[in-house]
ModelCIF file with pLDDT and N, C-alpha, C, O atoms, coordinates in Angstrom:
data_MODEL
#
_entry.id   MODEL 
#
_entity.id                         1 
_entity.type                       polymer 
_entity.pdbx_number_of_molecules   1 
#
_entity_poly.entity_id                      1 
_entity_poly.type                           'polypeptide(L)' 
_entity_poly.nstd_linkage                   no 
_entity_poly.nstd_monomer                   no 
_entity_poly.pdbx_seq_one_letter_code       LPDIEFPTVSVITTYTGASSEDIESTITRPLEQIINTI 
_entity_poly.pdbx_seq_one_letter_code_can   LPDIEFPTVSVITTYTGASSEDIESTITRPLEQIINTI 
_entity_poly.pdbx_strand_id                 A 
#
loop_
_entity_poly_seq.entity_id 
_entity_poly_seq.num 
_entity_poly_seq.mon_id 
_entity_poly_seq.hetero 
1 1  LEU n 
1 2  PRO n 
1 3  ASP n 
1 4  ILE n 
1 5  GLU n 
1 6  PHE n 
1 7  PRO n 
1 8  THR n 
1 9  VAL n 
1 10 SER n 
1 11 VAL n 
1 12 ILE n 
1 13 THR n 
1 14 THR n 
1 15 TYR n 
1 16 THR n 
1 17 GLY n 
1 18 ALA n 
1 19 SER n 
1 20 SER n 
1 21 GLU n 
1 22 ASP n 
1 23 ILE n 
1 24 GLU n 
1 25 SER n 
1 26 THR n 
1 27 ILE n 
1 28 THR n 
1 29 ARG n 
1 30 PRO n 
1 31 LEU n 
1 32 GLU n 
1 33 GLN n 
1 34 ILE n 
1 35 ILE n 
1 36 ASN n 
1 37 THR n 
1 38 ILE n 
#
_struct_asym.id          A 
_struct_asym.entity_id   1 
#
loop_
_ma_qa_metric.id 
_ma_qa_metric.mode 
_ma_qa_metric.name 
_ma_qa_metric.software_group_id 
_ma_qa_metric.type 
1 global pLDDT . pLDDT 
2 local  pLDDT . pLDDT 
#
_ma_qa_metric_global.metric_id      1 
_ma_qa_metric_global.metric_value   86.68 
_ma_qa_metric_global.model_id       1 
_ma_qa_metric_global.ordinal_id     1 
#
loop_
_ma_qa_metric_local.label_asym_id 
_ma_qa_metric_local.label_comp_id 
_ma_qa_metric_local.label_seq_id 
_ma_qa_metric_local.metric_id 
_ma_qa_metric_local.metric_value 
_ma_qa_metric_local.model_id 
_ma_qa_metric_local.ordinal_id 
A LEU 1  2 61.00 1 1  
A PRO 2  2 64.00 1 2  
A ASP 3  2 65.00 1 3  
A ILE 4  2 70.00 1 4  
A GLU 5  2 74.00 1 5  
A PHE 6  2 81.00 1 6  
A PRO 7  2 87.00 1 7  
A THR 8  2 90.00 1 8  
A VAL 9  2 91.00 1 9  
A SER 10 2 91.00 1 10 
A VAL 11 2 93.00 1 11 
A ILE 12 2 93.00 1 12 
A THR 13 2 92.00 1 13 
A THR 14 2 91.00 1 14 
A TYR 15 2 91.00 1 15 
A THR 16 2 86.00 1 16 
A GLY 17 2 83.00 1 17 
A ALA 18 2 87.00 1 18 
A SER 19 2 88.00 1 19 
A SER 20 2 90.00 1 20 
A GLU 21 2 91.00 1 21 
A ASP 22 2 89.00 1 22 
A ILE 23 2 91.00 1 23 
A GLU 24 2 91.00 1 24 
A SER 25 2 90.00 1 25 
A THR 26 2 90.00 1 26 
A ILE 27 2 91.00 1 27 
A THR 28 2 92.00 1 28 
A ARG 29 2 92.00 1 29 
A PRO 30 2 90.00 1 30 
A LEU 31 2 91.00 1 31 
A GLU 32 2 91.00 1 32 
A GLN 33 2 90.00 1 33 
A ILE 34 2 90.00 1 34 
A ILE 35 2 90.00 1 35 
A ASN 36 2 90.00 1 36 
A THR 37 2 88.00 1 37 
A ILE 38 2 89.00 1 38 
#
loop_
_atom_site.group_PDB 
_atom_site.id 
_atom_site.type_symbol 
_atom_site.label_atom_id 
_atom_site.label_alt_id 
_atom_site.label_comp_id 
_atom_site.label_asym_id 
_atom_site.label_entity_id 
_atom_site.label_seq_id 
_atom_site.pdbx_PDB_ins_code 
_atom_site.Cartn_x 
_atom_site.Cartn_y 
_atom_site.Cartn_z 
_atom_site.occupancy 
_atom_site.B_iso_or_equiv 
_atom_site.pdbx_formal_charge 
_atom_site.auth_seq_id 
_atom_site.auth_comp_id 
_atom_site.auth_asym_id 
_atom_site.auth_atom_id 
_atom_site.pdbx_PDB_model_num 
ATOM 1   N N  . LEU A 1 1  ? 18.636  19.322 0.664   1.00 61.00 ? 1  LEU A N  1 
ATOM 2   C CA . LEU A 1 1  ? 18.280  18.414 -0.425  1.00 61.00 ? 1  LEU A CA 1 
ATOM 3   C C  . LEU A 1 1  ? 19.476  18.276 -1.358  1.00 61.00 ? 1  LEU A C  1 
ATOM 4   O O  . LEU A 1 1  ? 19.520  18.945 -2.390  1.00 61.00 ? 1  LEU A O  1 
ATOM 5   N N  . PRO A 1 2  ? 20.434  17.439 -1.030  1.00 64.00 ? 2  PRO A N  1 
ATOM 6   C CA . PRO A 1 2  ? 21.602  17.271 -1.898  1.00 64.00 ? 2  PRO A CA 1 
ATOM 7   C C  . PRO A 1 2  ? 21.210  16.640 -3.219  1.00 64.00 ? 2  PRO A C  1 
ATOM 8   O O  . PRO A 1 2  ? 20.150  16.026 -3.346  1.00 64.00 ? 2  PRO A O  1 
ATOM 9   N N  . ASP A 1 3  ? 22.091  16.804 -4.206  1.00 65.00 ? 3  ASP A N  1 
ATOM 10  C CA . ASP A 1 3  ? 21.828  16.265 -5.546  1.00 65.00 ? 3  ASP A CA 1 
ATOM 11  C C  . ASP A 1 3  ? 22.042  14.756 -5.539  1.00 65.00 ? 3  ASP A C  1 
ATOM 12  O O  . ASP A 1 3  ? 23.158  14.271 -5.720  1.00 65.00 ? 3  ASP A O  1 
ATOM 13  N N  . ILE A 1 4  ? 20.965  14.034 -5.329  1.00 70.00 ? 4  ILE A N  1 
ATOM 14  C CA . ILE A 1 4  ? 20.990  12.572 -5.351  1.00 70.00 ? 4  ILE A CA 1 
ATOM 15  C C  . ILE A 1 4  ? 20.137  12.116 -6.535  1.00 70.00 ? 4  ILE A C  1 
ATOM 16  O O  . ILE A 1 4  ? 18.968  12.485 -6.642  1.00 70.00 ? 4  ILE A O  1 
ATOM 17  N N  . GLU A 1 5  ? 20.705  11.343 -7.389  1.00 74.00 ? 5  GLU A N  1 
ATOM 18  C CA . GLU A 1 5  ? 20.002  10.888 -8.593  1.00 74.00 ? 5  GLU A CA 1 
ATOM 19  C C  . GLU A 1 5  ? 19.534  9.458  -8.373  1.00 74.00 ? 5  GLU A C  1 
ATOM 20  O O  . GLU A 1 5  ? 20.335  8.523  -8.362  1.00 74.00 ? 5  GLU A O  1 
ATOM 21  N N  . PHE A 1 6  ? 18.229  9.300  -8.198  1.00 81.00 ? 6  PHE A N  1 
ATOM 22  C CA . PHE A 1 6  ? 17.663  7.967  -8.054  1.00 81.00 ? 6  PHE A CA 1 
ATOM 23  C C  . PHE A 1 6  ? 17.506  7.340  -9.442  1.00 81.00 ? 6  PHE A C  1 
ATOM 24  O O  . PHE A 1 6  ? 17.194  8.047  -10.401 1.00 81.00 ? 6  PHE A O  1 
ATOM 25  N N  . PRO A 1 7  ? 17.715  6.038  -9.563  1.00 87.00 ? 7  PRO A N  1 
ATOM 26  C CA . PRO A 1 7  ? 17.623  5.384  -10.879 1.00 87.00 ? 7  PRO A CA 1 
ATOM 27  C C  . PRO A 1 7  ? 16.162  5.171  -11.300 1.00 87.00 ? 7  PRO A C  1 
ATOM 28  O O  . PRO A 1 7  ? 15.728  4.040  -11.519 1.00 87.00 ? 7  PRO A O  1 
ATOM 29  N N  . THR A 1 8  ? 15.428  6.254  -11.406 1.00 90.00 ? 8  THR A N  1 
ATOM 30  C CA . THR A 1 8  ? 14.002  6.170  -11.716 1.00 90.00 ? 8  THR A CA 1 
ATOM 31  C C  . THR A 1 8  ? 13.666  7.124  -12.850 1.00 90.00 ? 8  THR A C  1 
ATOM 32  O O  . THR A 1 8  ? 14.095  8.278  -12.855 1.00 90.00 ? 8  THR A O  1 
ATOM 33  N N  . VAL A 1 9  ? 12.899  6.634  -13.804 1.00 91.00 ? 9  VAL A N  1 
ATOM 34  C CA . VAL A 1 9  ? 12.458  7.431  -14.955 1.00 91.00 ? 9  VAL A CA 1 
ATOM 35  C C  . VAL A 1 9  ? 10.957  7.255  -15.100 1.00 91.00 ? 9  VAL A C  1 
ATOM 36  O O  . VAL A 1 9  ? 10.440  6.144  -14.980 1.00 91.00 ? 9  VAL A O  1 
ATOM 37  N N  . SER A 1 10 ? 10.257  8.358  -15.360 1.00 91.00 ? 10 SER A N  1 
ATOM 38  C CA . SER A 1 10 ? 8.803   8.325  -15.549 1.00 91.00 ? 10 SER A CA 1 
ATOM 39  C C  . SER A 1 10 ? 8.466   8.605  -17.010 1.00 91.00 ? 10 SER A C  1 
ATOM 40  O O  . SER A 1 10 ? 9.089   9.445  -17.659 1.00 91.00 ? 10 SER A O  1 
ATOM 41  N N  . VAL A 1 11 ? 7.475   7.889  -17.505 1.00 93.00 ? 11 VAL A N  1 
ATOM 42  C CA . VAL A 1 11 ? 6.971   8.083  -18.872 1.00 93.00 ? 11 VAL A CA 1 
ATOM 43  C C  . VAL A 1 11 ? 5.521   8.540  -18.756 1.00 93.00 ? 11 VAL A C  1 
ATOM 44  O O  . VAL A 1 11 ? 4.662   7.789  -18.294 1.00 93.00 ? 11 VAL A O  1 
ATOM 45  N N  . ILE A 1 12 ? 5.256   9.768  -19.175 1.00 93.00 ? 12 ILE A N  1 
ATOM 46  C CA . ILE A 1 12 ? 3.939   10.387 -19.012 1.00 93.00 ? 12 ILE A CA 1 
ATOM 47  C C  . ILE A 1 12 ? 3.319   10.605 -20.387 1.00 93.00 ? 12 ILE A C  1 
ATOM 48  O O  . ILE A 1 12 ? 3.928   11.214 -21.267 1.00 93.00 ? 12 ILE A O  1 
ATOM 49  N N  . THR A 1 13 ? 2.101   10.101 -20.559 1.00 92.00 ? 13 THR A N  1 
ATOM 50  C CA . THR A 1 13 ? 1.368   10.255 -21.817 1.00 92.00 ? 13 THR A CA 1 
ATOM 51  C C  . THR A 1 13 ? -0.045  10.731 -21.494 1.00 92.00 ? 13 THR A C  1 
ATOM 52  O O  . THR A 1 13 ? -0.716  10.146 -20.644 1.00 92.00 ? 13 THR A O  1 
ATOM 53  N N  . THR A 1 14 ? -0.495  11.773 -22.157 1.00 91.00 ? 14 THR A N  1 
ATOM 54  C CA . THR A 1 14 ? -1.839  12.303 -21.933 1.00 91.00 ? 14 THR A CA 1 
ATOM 55  C C  . THR A 1 14 ? -2.729  12.005 -23.135 1.00 91.00 ? 14 THR A C  1 
ATOM 56  O O  . THR A 1 14 ? -2.280  11.999 -24.282 1.00 91.00 ? 14 THR A O  1 
ATOM 57  N N  . TYR A 1 15 ? -3.999  11.761 -22.838 1.00 91.00 ? 15 TYR A N  1 
ATOM 58  C CA . TYR A 1 15 ? -4.999  11.481 -23.873 1.00 91.00 ? 15 TYR A CA 1 
ATOM 59  C C  . TYR A 1 15 ? -6.300  12.091 -23.364 1.00 91.00 ? 15 TYR A C  1 
ATOM 60  O O  . TYR A 1 15 ? -7.098  11.421 -22.708 1.00 91.00 ? 15 TYR A O  1 
ATOM 61  N N  . THR A 1 16 ? -6.502  13.359 -23.673 1.00 86.00 ? 16 THR A N  1 
ATOM 62  C CA . THR A 1 16 ? -7.612  14.127 -23.124 1.00 86.00 ? 16 THR A CA 1 
ATOM 63  C C  . THR A 1 16 ? -8.955  13.531 -23.516 1.00 86.00 ? 16 THR A C  1 
ATOM 64  O O  . THR A 1 16 ? -9.208  13.248 -24.687 1.00 86.00 ? 16 THR A O  1 
ATOM 65  N N  . GLY A 1 17 ? -9.821  13.344 -22.501 1.00 83.00 ? 17 GLY A N  1 
ATOM 66  C CA . GLY A 1 17 ? -11.177 12.870 -22.741 1.00 83.00 ? 17 GLY A CA 1 
ATOM 67  C C  . GLY A 1 17 ? -11.341 11.372 -22.761 1.00 83.00 ? 17 GLY A C  1 
ATOM 68  O O  . GLY A 1 17 ? -12.471 10.887 -22.810 1.00 83.00 ? 17 GLY A O  1 
ATOM 69  N N  . ALA A 1 18 ? -10.258 10.618 -22.725 1.00 87.00 ? 18 ALA A N  1 
ATOM 70  C CA . ALA A 1 18 ? -10.352 9.162  -22.791 1.00 87.00 ? 18 ALA A CA 1 
ATOM 71  C C  . ALA A 1 18 ? -10.527 8.583  -21.392 1.00 87.00 ? 18 ALA A C  1 
ATOM 72  O O  . ALA A 1 18 ? -10.049 9.152  -20.410 1.00 87.00 ? 18 ALA A O  1 
ATOM 73  N N  . SER A 1 19 ? -11.209 7.459  -21.311 1.00 88.00 ? 19 SER A N  1 
ATOM 74  C CA . SER A 1 19 ? -11.411 6.797  -20.027 1.00 88.00 ? 19 SER A CA 1 
ATOM 75  C C  . SER A 1 19 ? -10.151 6.045  -19.623 1.00 88.00 ? 19 SER A C  1 
ATOM 76  O O  . SER A 1 19 ? -9.275  5.787  -20.448 1.00 88.00 ? 19 SER A O  1 
ATOM 77  N N  . SER A 1 20 ? -10.073 5.700  -18.351 1.00 90.00 ? 20 SER A N  1 
ATOM 78  C CA . SER A 1 20 ? -8.902  4.984  -17.856 1.00 90.00 ? 20 SER A CA 1 
ATOM 79  C C  . SER A 1 20 ? -8.771  3.600  -18.486 1.00 90.00 ? 20 SER A C  1 
ATOM 80  O O  . SER A 1 20 ? -7.659  3.125  -18.716 1.00 90.00 ? 20 SER A O  1 
ATOM 81  N N  . GLU A 1 21 ? -9.905  2.951  -18.766 1.00 91.00 ? 21 GLU A N  1 
ATOM 82  C CA . GLU A 1 21 ? -9.855  1.626  -19.392 1.00 91.00 ? 21 GLU A CA 1 
ATOM 83  C C  . GLU A 1 21 ? -9.266  1.701  -20.798 1.00 91.00 ? 21 GLU A C  1 
ATOM 84  O O  . GLU A 1 21 ? -8.443  0.866  -21.175 1.00 91.00 ? 21 GLU A O  1 
ATOM 85  N N  . ASP A 1 22 ? -9.690  2.704  -21.577 1.00 89.00 ? 22 ASP A N  1 
ATOM 86  C CA . ASP A 1 22 ? -9.166  2.849  -22.939 1.00 89.00 ? 22 ASP A CA 1 
ATOM 87  C C  . ASP A 1 22 ? -7.679  3.179  -22.922 1.00 89.00 ? 22 ASP A C  1 
ATOM 88  O O  . ASP A 1 22 ? -6.912  2.650  -23.727 1.00 89.00 ? 22 ASP A O  1 
ATOM 89  N N  . ILE A 1 23 ? -7.269  4.058  -22.000 1.00 91.00 ? 23 ILE A N  1 
ATOM 90  C CA . ILE A 1 23 ? -5.856  4.427  -21.935 1.00 91.00 ? 23 ILE A CA 1 
ATOM 91  C C  . ILE A 1 23 ? -5.006  3.232  -21.523 1.00 91.00 ? 23 ILE A C  1 
ATOM 92  O O  . ILE A 1 23 ? -3.895  3.052  -22.023 1.00 91.00 ? 23 ILE A O  1 
ATOM 93  N N  . GLU A 1 24 ? -5.525  2.419  -20.616 1.00 91.00 ? 24 GLU A N  1 
ATOM 94  C CA . GLU A 1 24 ? -4.754  1.255  -20.173 1.00 91.00 ? 24 GLU A CA 1 
ATOM 95  C C  . GLU A 1 24 ? -4.537  0.268  -21.313 1.00 91.00 ? 24 GLU A C  1 
ATOM 96  O O  . GLU A 1 24 ? -3.452  -0.297 -21.450 1.00 91.00 ? 24 GLU A O  1 
ATOM 97  N N  . SER A 1 25 ? -5.558  0.060  -22.127 1.00 90.00 ? 25 SER A N  1 
ATOM 98  C CA . SER A 1 25 ? -5.450  -0.937 -23.193 1.00 90.00 ? 25 SER A CA 1 
ATOM 99  C C  . SER A 1 25 ? -4.673  -0.425 -24.401 1.00 90.00 ? 25 SER A C  1 
ATOM 100 O O  . SER A 1 25 ? -3.999  -1.208 -25.071 1.00 90.00 ? 25 SER A O  1 
ATOM 101 N N  . THR A 1 26 ? -4.752  0.869  -24.694 1.00 90.00 ? 26 THR A N  1 
ATOM 102 C CA . THR A 1 26 ? -4.120  1.403  -25.912 1.00 90.00 ? 26 THR A CA 1 
ATOM 103 C C  . THR A 1 26 ? -2.774  2.063  -25.662 1.00 90.00 ? 26 THR A C  1 
ATOM 104 O O  . THR A 1 26 ? -1.991  2.218  -26.599 1.00 90.00 ? 26 THR A O  1 
ATOM 105 N N  . ILE A 1 27 ? -2.482  2.458  -24.428 1.00 91.00 ? 27 ILE A N  1 
ATOM 106 C CA . ILE A 1 27 ? -1.240  3.192  -24.155 1.00 91.00 ? 27 ILE A CA 1 
ATOM 107 C C  . ILE A 1 27 ? -0.397  2.494  -23.089 1.00 91.00 ? 27 ILE A C  1 
ATOM 108 O O  . ILE A 1 27 ? 0.756   2.144  -23.337 1.00 91.00 ? 27 ILE A O  1 
ATOM 109 N N  . THR A 1 28 ? -0.974  2.290  -21.901 1.00 92.00 ? 28 THR A N  1 
ATOM 110 C CA . THR A 1 28 ? -0.161  1.820  -20.766 1.00 92.00 ? 28 THR A CA 1 
ATOM 111 C C  . THR A 1 28 ? 0.423   0.440  -21.004 1.00 92.00 ? 28 THR A C  1 
ATOM 112 O O  . THR A 1 28 ? 1.635   0.256  -20.895 1.00 92.00 ? 28 THR A O  1 
ATOM 113 N N  . ARG A 1 29 ? -0.426  -0.542 -21.330 1.00 92.00 ? 29 ARG A N  1 
ATOM 114 C CA . ARG A 1 29 ? 0.064   -1.914 -21.492 1.00 92.00 ? 29 ARG A CA 1 
ATOM 115 C C  . ARG A 1 29 ? 1.064   -2.049 -22.638 1.00 92.00 ? 29 ARG A C  1 
ATOM 116 O O  . ARG A 1 29 ? 2.111   -2.666 -22.443 1.00 92.00 ? 29 ARG A O  1 
ATOM 117 N N  . PRO A 1 30 ? 0.791   -1.499 -23.834 1.00 90.00 ? 30 PRO A N  1 
ATOM 118 C CA . PRO A 1 30 ? 1.807   -1.603 -24.905 1.00 90.00 ? 30 PRO A CA 1 
ATOM 119 C C  . PRO A 1 30 ? 3.136   -0.952 -24.536 1.00 90.00 ? 30 PRO A C  1 
ATOM 120 O O  . PRO A 1 30 ? 4.193   -1.497 -24.853 1.00 90.00 ? 30 PRO A O  1 
ATOM 121 N N  . LEU A 1 31 ? 3.103   0.206  -23.871 1.00 91.00 ? 31 LEU A N  1 
ATOM 122 C CA . LEU A 1 31 ? 4.347   0.854  -23.483 1.00 91.00 ? 31 LEU A CA 1 
ATOM 123 C C  . LEU A 1 31 ? 5.089   0.045  -22.419 1.00 91.00 ? 31 LEU A C  1 
ATOM 124 O O  . LEU A 1 31 ? 6.318   -0.017 -22.428 1.00 91.00 ? 31 LEU A O  1 
ATOM 125 N N  . GLU A 1 32 ? 4.347   -0.567 -21.510 1.00 91.00 ? 32 GLU A N  1 
ATOM 126 C CA . GLU A 1 32 ? 4.990   -1.408 -20.492 1.00 91.00 ? 32 GLU A CA 1 
ATOM 127 C C  . GLU A 1 32 ? 5.738   -2.571 -21.155 1.00 91.00 ? 32 GLU A C  1 
ATOM 128 O O  . GLU A 1 32 ? 6.864   -2.885 -20.768 1.00 91.00 ? 32 GLU A O  1 
ATOM 129 N N  . GLN A 1 33 ? 5.127   -3.195 -22.133 1.00 90.00 ? 33 GLN A N  1 
ATOM 130 C CA . GLN A 1 33 ? 5.764   -4.322 -22.809 1.00 90.00 ? 33 GLN A CA 1 
ATOM 131 C C  . GLN A 1 33 ? 7.048   -3.888 -23.523 1.00 90.00 ? 33 GLN A C  1 
ATOM 132 O O  . GLN A 1 33 ? 8.035   -4.623 -23.545 1.00 90.00 ? 33 GLN A O  1 
ATOM 133 N N  . ILE A 1 34 ? 7.022   -2.686 -24.105 1.00 90.00 ? 34 ILE A N  1 
ATOM 134 C CA . ILE A 1 34 ? 8.219   -2.188 -24.792 1.00 90.00 ? 34 ILE A CA 1 
ATOM 135 C C  . ILE A 1 34 ? 9.311   -1.841 -23.797 1.00 90.00 ? 34 ILE A C  1 
ATOM 136 O O  . ILE A 1 34 ? 10.480  -2.155 -24.019 1.00 90.00 ? 34 ILE A O  1 
ATOM 137 N N  . ILE A 1 35 ? 8.932   -1.187 -22.688 1.00 90.00 ? 35 ILE A N  1 
ATOM 138 C CA . ILE A 1 35 ? 9.914   -0.756 -21.690 1.00 90.00 ? 35 ILE A CA 1 
ATOM 139 C C  . ILE A 1 35 ? 10.573  -1.949 -21.014 1.00 90.00 ? 35 ILE A C  1 
ATOM 140 O O  . ILE A 1 35 ? 11.751  -1.885 -20.664 1.00 90.00 ? 35 ILE A O  1 
ATOM 141 N N  . ASN A 1 36 ? 9.837   -3.032 -20.827 1.00 90.00 ? 36 ASN A N  1 
ATOM 142 C CA . ASN A 1 36 ? 10.392  -4.217 -20.175 1.00 90.00 ? 36 ASN A CA 1 
ATOM 143 C C  . ASN A 1 36 ? 11.516  -4.867 -20.973 1.00 90.00 ? 36 ASN A C  1 
ATOM 144 O O  . ASN A 1 36 ? 12.276  -5.664 -20.424 1.00 90.00 ? 36 ASN A O  1 
ATOM 145 N N  . THR A 1 37 ? 11.632  -4.545 -22.237 1.00 88.00 ? 37 THR A N  1 
ATOM 146 C CA . THR A 1 37 ? 12.696  -5.120 -23.063 1.00 88.00 ? 37 THR A CA 1 
ATOM 147 C C  . THR A 1 37 ? 14.022  -4.372 -22.898 1.00 88.00 ? 37 THR A C  1 
ATOM 148 O O  . THR A 1 37 ? 15.048  -4.840 -23.391 1.00 88.00 ? 37 THR A O  1 
ATOM 149 N N  . ILE A 1 38 ? 14.023  -3.237 -22.224 1.00 89.00 ? 38 ILE A N  1 
ATOM 150 C CA . ILE A 1 38 ? 15.240  -2.447 -22.041 1.00 89.00 ? 38 ILE A CA 1 
ATOM 151 C C  . ILE A 1 38 ? 16.109  -3.093 -20.957 1.00 89.00 ? 38 ILE A C  1 
ATOM 152 O O  . ILE A 1 38 ? 17.186  -2.585 -20.644 1.00 89.00 ? 38 ILE A O  1 
#
């Protein structure tokens, strides 16, 4: 396993107890819009 750096970055956010629908509307979509501007 040589040291190969893939141009990939992950953004992980946890929100314990919240449903997937709530997380998508309050966290995932807003962060996607911000990241797309980079």
